[in-house]
């Protein structure tokens, strides 16, 4: 059958659009790389001039202020005092600009430069590139103490785990790599300690599904809520079901607005057995279950969740940003033991 003129026109249009979009993306990446290299070179000039002339901090601040005014007057925007300070710090923190991933924008880099801890900064740099975070998403993950929460997610933090996060970012190789402790739902706008029904919590998470997916991590795709399971003509419902394309498995999440209870583990384990038998394809790995609860006692959780053949985990959620300093001290205490 001969193709119609409309079909040919449509295919030709799509092909040309793709060529244009690819060209724009390529140009944007090249411009971004040149911009970052330019700012690094400016920072190098400032830092080396200070070193060569033995300039102290107070004099340096005055020089940068003067430079800012002159460059803005003669060249234009983009050379504010704070931006010049960032360029100087950029060179100092990254003596070789080639070590920095090419996927980050200057705005991303400015956010990373705020982080003084080099290990933490390296982690966020890797994660930002791996997950293609926007600047807003990067800021949110820094503010929510993602680095510290991942270190504490398995109830322990050690130097090996720190090194792993610094060198590779968050790797998803096994079930418990998914976990965070705690999960942070500050985007829901629920005041601390305000009672909420499980159905209302679920509804809010669905309305903020993009933020929820960001908090869950890389590779998550939303399948649906209240997914029905029928066993011997009795219907049960899984609160939320996701699929992780990296681990190639279903993730079943049960929401509990109370403390973790004994019955919670058995309930979710039943759902996992059903998915493993009735829903999984041959290419799927065994499903993973996560109970998100308002409170969790580690000792009790060990008894409730221990002994299951399936991967069943529990983690606490909070509705406000965590106390960053408290989490940092907790990580330091565990590592230094």
C-alpha atoms as a PDB file:
ATOM      1  CA  UNK A   1       0.000   0.000   0.000  1.00  0.00           C
ATOM      2  CA  UNK A   2       1.330   3.394  -0.968  1.00  0.00           C
ATOM      3  CA  UNK A   3       1.762   5.888   1.822  1.00  0.00           C
ATOM      4  CA  UNK A   4      -0.480   8.922   1.644  1.00  0.00           C
ATOM      5  CA  UNK A   5       0.918  12.414   1.263  1.00  0.00           C
ATOM      6  CA  UNK A   6      -0.286  13.266   4.783  1.00  0.00           C
ATOM      7  CA  UNK A   7       1.662  10.322   6.265  1.00  0.00           C
ATOM      8  CA  UNK A   8       4.827  11.332   4.419  1.00  0.00           C
ATOM      9  CA  UNK A   9       4.394  14.955   5.530  1.00  0.00           C
ATOM     10  CA  UNK A  10       3.893  13.875   9.146  1.00  0.00           C
ATOM     11  CA  UNK A  11       6.963  11.593   9.164  1.00  0.00           C
ATOM     12  CA  UNK A  12       9.089  14.249   7.467  1.00  0.00           C
ATOM     13  CA  UNK A  13       7.949  16.853  10.004  1.00  0.00           C
ATOM     14  CA  UNK A  14       8.851  14.606  12.953  1.00  0.00           C
ATOM     15  CA  UNK A  15      12.279  13.798  11.486  1.00  0.00           C
ATOM     16  CA  UNK A  16      13.110  17.465  10.952  1.00  0.00           C
ATOM     17  CA  UNK A  17      11.833  18.400  14.427  1.00  0.00           C
ATOM     18  CA  UNK A  18      14.112  15.752  15.959  1.00  0.00           C
ATOM     19  CA  UNK A  19      17.121  17.088  14.022  1.00  0.00           C
ATOM     20  CA  UNK A  20      16.413  20.616  15.253  1.00  0.00           C
ATOM     21  CA  UNK A  21      15.884  19.525  18.878  1.00  0.00           C
ATOM     22  CA  UNK A  22      19.094  17.457  18.868  1.00  0.00           C
ATOM     23  CA  UNK A  23      21.029  20.381  17.393  1.00  0.00           C
ATOM     24  CA  UNK A  24      19.656  22.765  20.042  1.00  0.00           C
ATOM     25  CA  UNK A  25      20.590  20.338  22.809  1.00  0.00           C
ATOM     26  CA  UNK A  26      24.104  19.973  21.407  1.00  0.00           C
ATOM     27  CA  UNK A  27      24.538  23.742  21.130  1.00  0.00           C
ATOM     28  CA  UNK A  28      23.232  24.248  24.675  1.00  0.00           C
ATOM     29  CA  UNK A  29      25.672  21.673  26.067  1.00  0.00           C
ATOM     30  CA  UNK A  30      28.616  23.273  24.243  1.00  0.00           C
ATOM     31  CA  UNK A  31      27.649  26.772  25.397  1.00  0.00           C
ATOM     32  CA  UNK A  32      27.235  25.520  28.969  1.00  0.00           C
ATOM     33  CA  UNK A  33      30.643  23.821  28.913  1.00  0.00           C
ATOM     34  CA  UNK A  34      32.303  26.958  27.537  1.00  0.00           C
ATOM     35  CA  UNK A  35      30.581  29.111  30.165  1.00  0.00           C
ATOM     36  CA  UNK A  36      31.763  26.867  33.015  1.00  0.00           C
ATOM     37  CA  UNK A  37      35.312  26.781  31.615  1.00  0.00           C
ATOM     38  CA  UNK A  38      35.281  30.591  31.307  1.00  0.00           C
ATOM     39  CA  UNK A  39      34.159  31.038  34.916  1.00  0.00           C
ATOM     40  CA  UNK A  40      36.823  28.563  36.085  1.00  0.00           C
ATOM     41  CA  UNK A  41      39.504  30.509  34.204  1.00  0.00           C
ATOM     42  CA  UNK A  42      38.289  33.789  35.743  1.00  0.00           C
ATOM     43  CA  UNK A  43      38.466  32.176  39.193  1.00  0.00           C
ATOM     44  CA  UNK A  44      41.995  30.969  38.385  1.00  0.00           C
ATOM     45  CA  UNK A  45      43.100  34.501  37.457  1.00  0.00           C
ATOM     46  CA  UNK A  46      41.710  35.943  40.691  1.00  0.00           C
ATOM     47  CA  UNK A  47      43.142  33.197  42.938  1.00  0.00           C
ATOM     48  CA  UNK A  48      46.597  33.232  41.336  1.00  0.00           C
ATOM     49  CA  UNK A  49      46.787  37.038  41.466  1.00  0.00           C
ATOM     50  CA  UNK A  50      45.988  36.927  45.186  1.00  0.00           C
ATOM     51  CA  UNK A  51      48.620  34.272  45.784  1.00  0.00           C
ATOM     52  CA  UNK A  52      51.272  36.031  43.703  1.00  0.00           C
ATOM     53  CA  UNK A  53      50.745  39.357  45.501  1.00  0.00           C
ATOM     54  CA  UNK A  54      50.167  37.863  48.949  1.00  0.00           C
ATOM     55  CA  UNK A  55      46.742  39.545  49.181  1.00  0.00           C
ATOM     56  CA  UNK A  56      44.777  39.090  52.429  1.00  0.00           C
ATOM     57  CA  UNK A  57      41.041  38.358  52.631  1.00  0.00           C
ATOM     58  CA  UNK A  58      39.989  41.938  53.331  1.00  0.00           C
ATOM     59  CA  UNK A  59      41.925  43.295  50.354  1.00  0.00           C
ATOM     60  CA  UNK A  60      40.629  40.438  48.201  1.00  0.00           C
ATOM     61  CA  UNK A  61      37.027  41.369  48.990  1.00  0.00           C
ATOM     62  CA  UNK A  62      37.698  44.965  47.951  1.00  0.00           C
ATOM     63  CA  UNK A  63      39.404  43.900  44.717  1.00  0.00           C
ATOM     64  CA  UNK A  64      36.496  41.608  43.805  1.00  0.00           C
ATOM     65  CA  UNK A  65      33.979  44.375  44.540  1.00  0.00           C
ATOM     66  CA  UNK A  66      35.868  46.758  42.252  1.00  0.00           C
ATOM     67  CA  UNK A  67      36.187  44.087  39.560  1.00  0.00           C
ATOM     68  CA  UNK A  68      32.464  43.411  39.757  1.00  0.00           C
ATOM     69  CA  UNK A  69      31.564  47.053  39.149  1.00  0.00           C
ATOM     70  CA  UNK A  70      34.007  47.445  36.263  1.00  0.00           C
ATOM     71  CA  UNK A  71      33.083  44.192  34.496  1.00  0.00           C
ATOM     72  CA  UNK A  72      29.346  44.862  34.877  1.00  0.00           C
ATOM     73  CA  UNK A  73      29.815  48.362  33.425  1.00  0.00           C
ATOM     74  CA  UNK A  74      32.030  47.277  30.518  1.00  0.00           C
ATOM     75  CA  UNK A  75      30.716  43.777  29.675  1.00  0.00           C
ATOM     76  CA  UNK A  76      27.269  43.410  31.260  1.00  0.00           C
ATOM     77  CA  UNK A  77      25.414  41.139  33.678  1.00  0.00           C
ATOM     78  CA  UNK A  78      26.791  37.960  35.205  1.00  0.00           C
ATOM     79  CA  UNK A  79      29.685  39.441  37.174  1.00  0.00           C
ATOM     80  CA  UNK A  80      28.156  40.317  40.512  1.00  0.00           C
ATOM     81  CA  UNK A  81      30.388  40.214  43.572  1.00  0.00           C
ATOM     82  CA  UNK A  82      28.842  36.922  44.739  1.00  0.00           C
ATOM     83  CA  UNK A  83      29.316  35.387  41.289  1.00  0.00           C
ATOM     84  CA  UNK A  84      32.986  36.382  41.205  1.00  0.00           C
ATOM     85  CA  UNK A  85      33.466  34.918  44.688  1.00  0.00           C
ATOM     86  CA  UNK A  86      31.902  31.684  43.407  1.00  0.00           C
ATOM     87  CA  UNK A  87      34.264  31.652  40.402  1.00  0.00           C
ATOM     88  CA  UNK A  88      37.235  32.049  42.740  1.00  0.00           C
ATOM     89  CA  UNK A  89      35.965  29.265  45.013  1.00  0.00           C
ATOM     90  CA  UNK A  90      35.183  27.124  41.968  1.00  0.00           C
ATOM     91  CA  UNK A  91      38.836  27.168  40.913  1.00  0.00           C
ATOM     92  CA  UNK A  92      40.075  26.548  44.468  1.00  0.00           C
ATOM     93  CA  UNK A  93      37.725  23.598  45.056  1.00  0.00           C
ATOM     94  CA  UNK A  94      38.176  22.140  41.547  1.00  0.00           C
ATOM     95  CA  UNK A  95      41.848  22.729  40.550  1.00  0.00           C
ATOM     96  CA  UNK A  96      41.137  20.543  37.506  1.00  0.00           C
ATOM     97  CA  UNK A  97      37.874  21.504  35.844  1.00  0.00           C
ATOM     98  CA  UNK A  98      37.929  18.186  33.935  1.00  0.00           C
ATOM     99  CA  UNK A  99      37.047  16.349  37.162  1.00  0.00           C
ATOM    100  CA  UNK A 100      33.616  17.982  37.114  1.00  0.00           C
ATOM    101  CA  UNK A 101      30.820  16.292  35.204  1.00  0.00           C
ATOM    102  CA  UNK A 102      29.772  18.046  32.016  1.00  0.00           C
ATOM    103  CA  UNK A 103      26.064  17.676  32.820  1.00  0.00           C
ATOM    104  CA  UNK A 104      25.950  20.405  35.478  1.00  0.00           C
ATOM    105  CA  UNK A 105      25.066  24.029  34.884  1.00  0.00           C
ATOM    106  CA  UNK A 106      26.727  26.976  36.589  1.00  0.00           C
ATOM    107  CA  UNK A 107      23.700  27.321  38.881  1.00  0.00           C
ATOM    108  CA  UNK A 108      24.111  23.677  39.935  1.00  0.00           C
ATOM    109  CA  UNK A 109      27.783  24.316  40.668  1.00  0.00           C
ATOM    110  CA  UNK A 110      26.978  27.392  42.789  1.00  0.00           C
ATOM    111  CA  UNK A 111      24.651  25.265  44.932  1.00  0.00           C
ATOM    112  CA  UNK A 112      27.338  22.585  45.310  1.00  0.00           C
ATOM    113  CA  UNK A 113      29.955  25.153  46.330  1.00  0.00           C
ATOM    114  CA  UNK A 114      27.843  26.049  49.374  1.00  0.00           C
ATOM    115  CA  UNK A 115      28.567  22.558  50.763  1.00  0.00           C
ATOM    116  CA  UNK A 116      31.821  22.685  52.719  1.00  0.00           C
ATOM    117  CA  UNK A 117      32.107  18.942  53.376  1.00  0.00           C
ATOM    118  CA  UNK A 118      33.970  17.617  50.313  1.00  0.00           C
ATOM    119  CA  UNK A 119      32.570  14.084  50.656  1.00  0.00           C
ATOM    120  CA  UNK A 120      29.008  15.349  50.813  1.00  0.00           C
ATOM    121  CA  UNK A 121      29.598  17.695  47.876  1.00  0.00           C
ATOM    122  CA  UNK A 122      31.042  14.850  45.804  1.00  0.00           C
ATOM    123  CA  UNK A 123      27.960  12.725  46.574  1.00  0.00           C
ATOM    124  CA  UNK A 124      25.524  15.432  45.470  1.00  0.00           C
ATOM    125  CA  UNK A 125      27.600  16.118  42.361  1.00  0.00           C
ATOM    126  CA  UNK A 126      27.370  12.436  41.339  1.00  0.00           C
ATOM    127  CA  UNK A 127      23.679  12.133  42.202  1.00  0.00           C
ATOM    128  CA  UNK A 128      22.807  15.352  40.389  1.00  0.00           C
ATOM    129  CA  UNK A 129      24.380  14.023  37.188  1.00  0.00           C
ATOM    130  CA  UNK A 130      23.022  10.457  37.617  1.00  0.00           C
ATOM    131  CA  UNK A 131      19.445  11.540  38.302  1.00  0.00           C
ATOM    132  CA  UNK A 132      19.443  14.668  36.068  1.00  0.00           C
ATOM    133  CA  UNK A 133      18.162  16.834  38.922  1.00  0.00           C
ATOM    134  CA  UNK A 134      17.011  20.350  38.220  1.00  0.00           C
ATOM    135  CA  UNK A 135      18.468  23.073  40.443  1.00  0.00           C
ATOM    136  CA  UNK A 136      15.231  23.077  42.465  1.00  0.00           C
ATOM    137  CA  UNK A 137      15.474  19.326  42.979  1.00  0.00           C
ATOM    138  CA  UNK A 138      19.148  19.577  43.987  1.00  0.00           C
ATOM    139  CA  UNK A 139      18.346  22.261  46.575  1.00  0.00           C
ATOM    140  CA  UNK A 140      15.495  20.186  47.944  1.00  0.00           C
ATOM    141  CA  UNK A 141      17.664  17.089  48.326  1.00  0.00           C
ATOM    142  CA  UNK A 142      20.396  19.070  50.090  1.00  0.00           C
ATOM    143  CA  UNK A 143      17.859  20.719  52.416  1.00  0.00           C
ATOM    144  CA  UNK A 144      16.282  17.356  53.238  1.00  0.00           C
ATOM    145  CA  UNK A 145      19.688  15.915  54.303  1.00  0.00           C
ATOM    146  CA  UNK A 146      19.576  13.124  51.734  1.00  0.00           C
ATOM    147  CA  UNK A 147      23.269  12.272  52.217  1.00  0.00           C
ATOM    148  CA  UNK A 148      22.912  11.726  55.972  1.00  0.00           C
ATOM    149  CA  UNK A 149      19.622   9.849  55.606  1.00  0.00           C
ATOM    150  CA  UNK A 150      21.143   7.385  53.151  1.00  0.00           C
ATOM    151  CA  UNK A 151      24.083   6.798  55.477  1.00  0.00           C
ATOM    152  CA  UNK A 152      21.663   5.971  58.304  1.00  0.00           C
ATOM    153  CA  UNK A 153      19.115   4.113  56.174  1.00  0.00           C
ATOM    154  CA  UNK A 154      20.263   0.624  57.162  1.00  0.00           C
ATOM    155  CA  UNK A 155      20.653   1.436  60.846  1.00  0.00           C
ATOM    156  CA  UNK A 156      24.393   1.894  60.525  1.00  0.00           C
ATOM    157  CA  UNK A 157      26.909   4.191  58.924  1.00  0.00           C
ATOM    158  CA  UNK A 158      30.512   3.339  58.257  1.00  0.00           C
ATOM    159  CA  UNK A 159      33.502   4.641  56.365  1.00  0.00           C
ATOM    160  CA  UNK A 160      33.024   2.110  53.576  1.00  0.00           C
ATOM    161  CA  UNK A 161      29.478   3.373  52.981  1.00  0.00           C
ATOM    162  CA  UNK A 162      30.695   6.979  52.979  1.00  0.00           C
ATOM    163  CA  UNK A 163      33.349   6.122  50.387  1.00  0.00           C
ATOM    164  CA  UNK A 164      30.793   4.306  48.240  1.00  0.00           C
ATOM    165  CA  UNK A 165      28.414   7.278  48.199  1.00  0.00           C
ATOM    166  CA  UNK A 166      31.230   9.742  47.510  1.00  0.00           C
ATOM    167  CA  UNK A 167      32.645   7.770  44.582  1.00  0.00           C
ATOM    168  CA  UNK A 168      29.462   6.527  42.916  1.00  0.00           C
ATOM    169  CA  UNK A 169      26.444   8.306  44.367  1.00  0.00           C
ATOM    170  CA  UNK A 170      23.491   6.134  45.380  1.00  0.00           C
ATOM    171  CA  UNK A 171      23.784   2.723  43.739  1.00  0.00           C
ATOM    172  CA  UNK A 172      20.744   0.444  43.440  1.00  0.00           C
ATOM    173  CA  UNK A 173      22.043  -3.123  43.441  1.00  0.00           C
ATOM    174  CA  UNK A 174      19.921  -4.724  46.151  1.00  0.00           C
ATOM    175  CA  UNK A 175      16.631  -4.152  47.916  1.00  0.00           C
ATOM    176  CA  UNK A 176      17.830  -2.200  50.953  1.00  0.00           C
ATOM    177  CA  UNK A 177      19.736   0.268  48.741  1.00  0.00           C
ATOM    178  CA  UNK A 178      16.331   1.882  48.144  1.00  0.00           C
ATOM    179  CA  UNK A 179      15.758   2.847  51.752  1.00  0.00           C
ATOM    180  CA  UNK A 180      16.052   6.222  53.425  1.00  0.00           C
ATOM    181  CA  UNK A 181      15.766   6.968  57.124  1.00  0.00           C
ATOM    182  CA  UNK A 182      13.590   8.917  57.540  1.00  0.00           C
ATOM    183  CA  UNK A 183      11.557   9.723  54.436  1.00  0.00           C
ATOM    184  CA  UNK A 184      10.762  13.439  54.244  1.00  0.00           C
ATOM    185  CA  UNK A 185       7.364  14.677  53.043  1.00  0.00           C
ATOM    186  CA  UNK A 186       7.754  18.392  53.736  1.00  0.00           C
ATOM    187  CA  UNK A 187       6.217  19.120  50.318  1.00  0.00           C
ATOM    188  CA  UNK A 188       2.798  18.033  51.646  1.00  0.00           C
ATOM    189  CA  UNK A 189       2.585  21.083  53.908  1.00  0.00           C
ATOM    190  CA  UNK A 190       1.402  19.068  56.939  1.00  0.00           C
ATOM    191  CA  UNK A 191       2.381  20.670  60.279  1.00  0.00           C
ATOM    192  CA  UNK A 192       4.504  18.593  62.634  1.00  0.00           C
ATOM    193  CA  UNK A 193       2.541  16.221  64.902  1.00  0.00           C
ATOM    194  CA  UNK A 194      -0.783  17.057  63.223  1.00  0.00           C
ATOM    195  CA  UNK A 195      -2.963  13.893  63.100  1.00  0.00           C
ATOM    196  CA  UNK A 196      -3.818  12.693  59.591  1.00  0.00           C
ATOM    197  CA  UNK A 197      -5.796   9.743  58.290  1.00  0.00           C
ATOM    198  CA  UNK A 198      -4.018   7.197  56.100  1.00  0.00           C
ATOM    199  CA  UNK A 199      -6.391   7.839  53.188  1.00  0.00           C
ATOM    200  CA  UNK A 200      -5.695  11.586  53.425  1.00  0.00           C
ATOM    201  CA  UNK A 201      -1.932  11.009  53.525  1.00  0.00           C
ATOM    202  CA  UNK A 202      -2.221   8.784  50.455  1.00  0.00           C
ATOM    203  CA  UNK A 203      -4.339  11.366  48.622  1.00  0.00           C
ATOM    204  CA  UNK A 204      -1.819  14.124  49.351  1.00  0.00           C
ATOM    205  CA  UNK A 205       1.094  11.969  48.144  1.00  0.00           C
ATOM    206  CA  UNK A 206      -0.740  11.258  44.888  1.00  0.00           C
ATOM    207  CA  UNK A 207      -1.436  14.975  44.380  1.00  0.00           C
ATOM    208  CA  UNK A 208       2.289  15.620  44.870  1.00  0.00           C
ATOM    209  CA  UNK A 209       3.410  12.536  42.948  1.00  0.00           C
ATOM    210  CA  UNK A 210       6.372  14.261  41.243  1.00  0.00           C
ATOM    211  CA  UNK A 211       7.797  15.333  44.611  1.00  0.00           C
ATOM    212  CA  UNK A 212       7.097  11.891  46.055  1.00  0.00           C
ATOM    213  CA  UNK A 213       8.936  10.207  43.171  1.00  0.00           C
ATOM    214  CA  UNK A 214      11.899  12.529  43.750  1.00  0.00           C
ATOM    215  CA  UNK A 215      11.960  11.548  47.429  1.00  0.00           C
ATOM    216  CA  UNK A 216      11.721   7.822  46.614  1.00  0.00           C
ATOM    217  CA  UNK A 217      14.770   8.069  44.347  1.00  0.00           C
ATOM    218  CA  UNK A 218      15.976   7.035  40.911  1.00  0.00           C
ATOM    219  CA  UNK A 219      14.118   4.595  38.689  1.00  0.00           C
ATOM    220  CA  UNK A 220      10.678   4.790  40.321  1.00  0.00           C
ATOM    221  CA  UNK A 221       7.525   4.767  38.199  1.00  0.00           C
ATOM    222  CA  UNK A 222       4.049   5.111  39.713  1.00  0.00           C
ATOM    223  CA  UNK A 223       1.734   2.161  38.937  1.00  0.00           C
ATOM    224  CA  UNK A 224      -1.280   3.153  41.015  1.00  0.00           C
ATOM    225  CA  UNK A 225      -2.943   3.424  44.411  1.00  0.00           C
ATOM    226  CA  UNK A 226      -5.340   1.038  46.137  1.00  0.00           C
ATOM    227  CA  UNK A 227      -4.306  -1.788  43.828  1.00  0.00           C
ATOM    228  CA  UNK A 228      -6.696  -4.677  44.347  1.00  0.00           C
ATOM    229  CA  UNK A 229      -5.565  -8.159  45.324  1.00  0.00           C
ATOM    230  CA  UNK A 230      -8.140 -10.980  45.391  1.00  0.00           C
ATOM    231  CA  UNK A 231      -7.470 -14.115  47.431  1.00  0.00           C
ATOM    232  CA  UNK A 232     -10.281 -16.710  47.765  1.00  0.00           C
ATOM    233  CA  UNK A 233     -12.915 -14.143  46.733  1.00  0.00           C
ATOM    234  CA  UNK A 234     -11.719 -11.675  49.379  1.00  0.00           C
ATOM    235  CA  UNK A 235     -10.440  -8.322  48.163  1.00  0.00           C
ATOM    236  CA  UNK A 236      -7.431  -6.549  49.672  1.00  0.00           C
ATOM    237  CA  UNK A 237      -5.866  -3.272  48.564  1.00  0.00           C
ATOM    238  CA  UNK A 238      -2.217  -2.205  48.436  1.00  0.00           C
ATOM    239  CA  UNK A 239      -1.919   1.489  49.315  1.00  0.00           C
ATOM    240  CA  UNK A 240       0.601   2.415  46.614  1.00  0.00           C
ATOM    241  CA  UNK A 241       2.436   0.380  43.977  1.00  0.00           C
ATOM    242  CA  UNK A 242       5.524   1.496  42.058  1.00  0.00           C
ATOM    243  CA  UNK A 243       7.911  -0.168  39.642  1.00  0.00           C
ATOM    244  CA  UNK A 244      11.657   0.435  39.789  1.00  0.00           C
ATOM    245  CA  UNK A 245      13.208   0.087  36.334  1.00  0.00           C
ATOM    246  CA  UNK A 246      16.764  -0.145  37.735  1.00  0.00           C
ATOM    247  CA  UNK A 247      16.054  -3.054  40.097  1.00  0.00           C
ATOM    248  CA  UNK A 248      13.364  -4.362  37.707  1.00  0.00           C
ATOM    249  CA  UNK A 249      10.811  -5.065  40.405  1.00  0.00           C
ATOM    250  CA  UNK A 250       7.536  -3.880  41.896  1.00  0.00           C
ATOM    251  CA  UNK A 251       7.695  -1.783  45.054  1.00  0.00           C
ATOM    252  CA  UNK A 252       4.649  -2.110  47.320  1.00  0.00           C
ATOM    253  CA  UNK A 253       4.195   0.674  49.873  1.00  0.00           C
ATOM    254  CA  UNK A 254       1.852   0.558  52.845  1.00  0.00           C
ATOM    255  CA  UNK A 255       1.160   3.826  54.696  1.00  0.00           C
ATOM    256  CA  UNK A 256       0.699   3.762  58.471  1.00  0.00           C
ATOM    257  CA  UNK A 257      -0.003   6.977  60.343  1.00  0.00           C
ATOM    258  CA  UNK A 258       0.682   5.191  63.638  1.00  0.00           C
ATOM    259  CA  UNK A 259       3.611   3.288  65.121  1.00  0.00           C
ATOM    260  CA  UNK A 260       4.741   0.102  63.341  1.00  0.00           C
ATOM    261  CA  UNK A 261       2.561  -2.771  64.556  1.00  0.00           C
ATOM    262  CA  UNK A 262       3.019  -6.547  64.563  1.00  0.00           C
ATOM    263  CA  UNK A 263       0.271  -7.116  61.985  1.00  0.00           C
ATOM    264  CA  UNK A 264       1.818  -4.706  59.465  1.00  0.00           C
ATOM    265  CA  UNK A 265       4.674  -7.004  58.476  1.00  0.00           C
ATOM    266  CA  UNK A 266       2.486 -10.036  57.837  1.00  0.00           C
ATOM    267  CA  UNK A 267      -0.008  -8.003  55.826  1.00  0.00           C
ATOM    268  CA  UNK A 268       2.619  -6.636  53.462  1.00  0.00           C
ATOM    269  CA  UNK A 269       4.371 -10.022  53.187  1.00  0.00           C
ATOM    270  CA  UNK A 270       1.075 -11.516  51.981  1.00  0.00           C
ATOM    271  CA  UNK A 271       0.790  -8.851  49.298  1.00  0.00           C
ATOM    272  CA  UNK A 272       4.369  -9.547  48.182  1.00  0.00           C
ATOM    273  CA  UNK A 273       3.643 -13.283  47.893  1.00  0.00           C
ATOM    274  CA  UNK A 274       0.657 -12.485  45.678  1.00  0.00           C
ATOM    275  CA  UNK A 275       2.635 -10.143  43.417  1.00  0.00           C
ATOM    276  CA  UNK A 276       5.487 -12.656  43.142  1.00  0.00           C
ATOM    277  CA  UNK A 277       3.093 -15.403  42.050  1.00  0.00           C
ATOM    278  CA  UNK A 278       0.317 -13.616  40.166  1.00  0.00           C
ATOM    279  CA  UNK A 279       1.703 -10.315  38.842  1.00  0.00           C
ATOM    280  CA  UNK A 280       5.434 -10.696  38.182  1.00  0.00           C
ATOM    281  CA  UNK A 281       6.635 -11.419  34.648  1.00  0.00           C
ATOM    282  CA  UNK A 282       9.538 -13.800  34.060  1.00  0.00           C
ATOM    283  CA  UNK A 283      11.927 -10.854  33.690  1.00  0.00           C
ATOM    284  CA  UNK A 284      10.852  -9.223  36.982  1.00  0.00           C
ATOM    285  CA  UNK A 285      12.834  -9.613  40.177  1.00  0.00           C
ATOM    286  CA  UNK A 286      11.006 -10.405  43.450  1.00  0.00           C
ATOM    287  CA  UNK A 287       8.898  -7.458  44.694  1.00  0.00           C
ATOM    288  CA  UNK A 288       9.960  -5.267  47.612  1.00  0.00           C
ATOM    289  CA  UNK A 289       7.706  -4.039  50.402  1.00  0.00           C
ATOM    290  CA  UNK A 290       8.135  -0.827  52.377  1.00  0.00           C
ATOM    291  CA  UNK A 291       6.003   0.165  55.362  1.00  0.00           C
ATOM    292  CA  UNK A 292       6.076   3.938  55.827  1.00  0.00           C
ATOM    293  CA  UNK A 293       5.034   4.631  59.401  1.00  0.00           C
ATOM    294  CA  UNK A 294       4.837   7.633  61.710  1.00  0.00           C
ATOM    295  CA  UNK A 295       6.973   5.933  64.384  1.00  0.00           C
ATOM    296  CA  UNK A 296       9.335   2.977  64.343  1.00  0.00           C
ATOM    297  CA  UNK A 297      11.224   1.319  67.170  1.00  0.00           C
ATOM    298  CA  UNK A 298      14.326  -0.407  65.759  1.00  0.00           C
ATOM    299  CA  UNK A 299      14.272  -3.340  68.204  1.00  0.00           C
ATOM    300  CA  UNK A 300      10.570  -4.004  67.673  1.00  0.00           C
ATOM    301  CA  UNK A 301      11.013  -3.656  63.904  1.00  0.00           C
ATOM    302  CA  UNK A 302      13.649  -6.405  63.925  1.00  0.00           C
ATOM    303  CA  UNK A 303      11.187  -8.854  65.470  1.00  0.00           C
ATOM    304  CA  UNK A 304       8.248  -7.776  63.270  1.00  0.00           C
ATOM    305  CA  UNK A 305      10.154  -7.885  59.978  1.00  0.00           C
ATOM    306  CA  UNK A 306      12.625 -10.703  60.655  1.00  0.00           C
ATOM    307  CA  UNK A 307      12.255 -14.138  59.129  1.00  0.00           C
ATOM    308  CA  UNK A 308      10.304 -13.238  55.991  1.00  0.00           C
ATOM    309  CA  UNK A 309      11.487 -14.762  52.721  1.00  0.00           C
ATOM    310  CA  UNK A 310      10.438 -11.562  50.970  1.00  0.00           C
ATOM    311  CA  UNK A 311      12.143  -8.192  51.278  1.00  0.00           C
ATOM    312  CA  UNK A 312       9.973  -6.339  53.795  1.00  0.00           C
ATOM    313  CA  UNK A 313      11.251  -3.075  55.271  1.00  0.00           C
ATOM    314  CA  UNK A 314       9.909  -0.328  57.490  1.00  0.00           C
ATOM    315  CA  UNK A 315      10.975   3.285  57.618  1.00  0.00           C
ATOM    316  CA  UNK A 316       9.737   6.337  59.447  1.00  0.00           C
ATOM    317  CA  UNK A 317       8.375   9.353  57.586  1.00  0.00           C
ATOM    318  CA  UNK A 318       8.330  12.958  58.761  1.00  0.00           C
ATOM    319  CA  UNK A 319       6.408  15.923  57.355  1.00  0.00           C
ATOM    320  CA  UNK A 320       8.956  18.646  58.086  1.00  0.00           C
ATOM    321  CA  UNK A 321      12.581  19.032  57.051  1.00  0.00           C
ATOM    322  CA  UNK A 322      14.842  17.104  59.450  1.00  0.00           C
ATOM    323  CA  UNK A 323      17.206  18.726  61.915  1.00  0.00           C
ATOM    324  CA  UNK A 324      20.317  18.767  59.737  1.00  0.00           C
ATOM    325  CA  UNK A 325      22.815  19.243  62.566  1.00  0.00           C
ATOM    326  CA  UNK A 326      21.269  16.403  64.565  1.00  0.00           C
ATOM    327  CA  UNK A 327      21.528  14.016  61.611  1.00  0.00           C
ATOM    328  CA  UNK A 328      25.150  15.026  60.941  1.00  0.00           C
ATOM    329  CA  UNK A 329      26.084  14.352  64.585  1.00  0.00           C
ATOM    330  CA  UNK A 330      24.272  11.012  64.470  1.00  0.00           C
ATOM    331  CA  UNK A 331      26.266   9.971  61.388  1.00  0.00           C
ATOM    332  CA  UNK A 332      29.535  11.135  62.973  1.00  0.00           C
ATOM    333  CA  UNK A 333      28.809   9.230  66.187  1.00  0.00           C
ATOM    334  CA  UNK A 334      28.155   5.975  64.341  1.00  0.00           C
ATOM    335  CA  UNK A 335      31.190   6.292  62.057  1.00  0.00           C
ATOM    336  CA  UNK A 336      33.555   7.168  64.908  1.00  0.00           C
ATOM    337  CA  UNK A 337      32.519   4.295  67.164  1.00  0.00           C
END
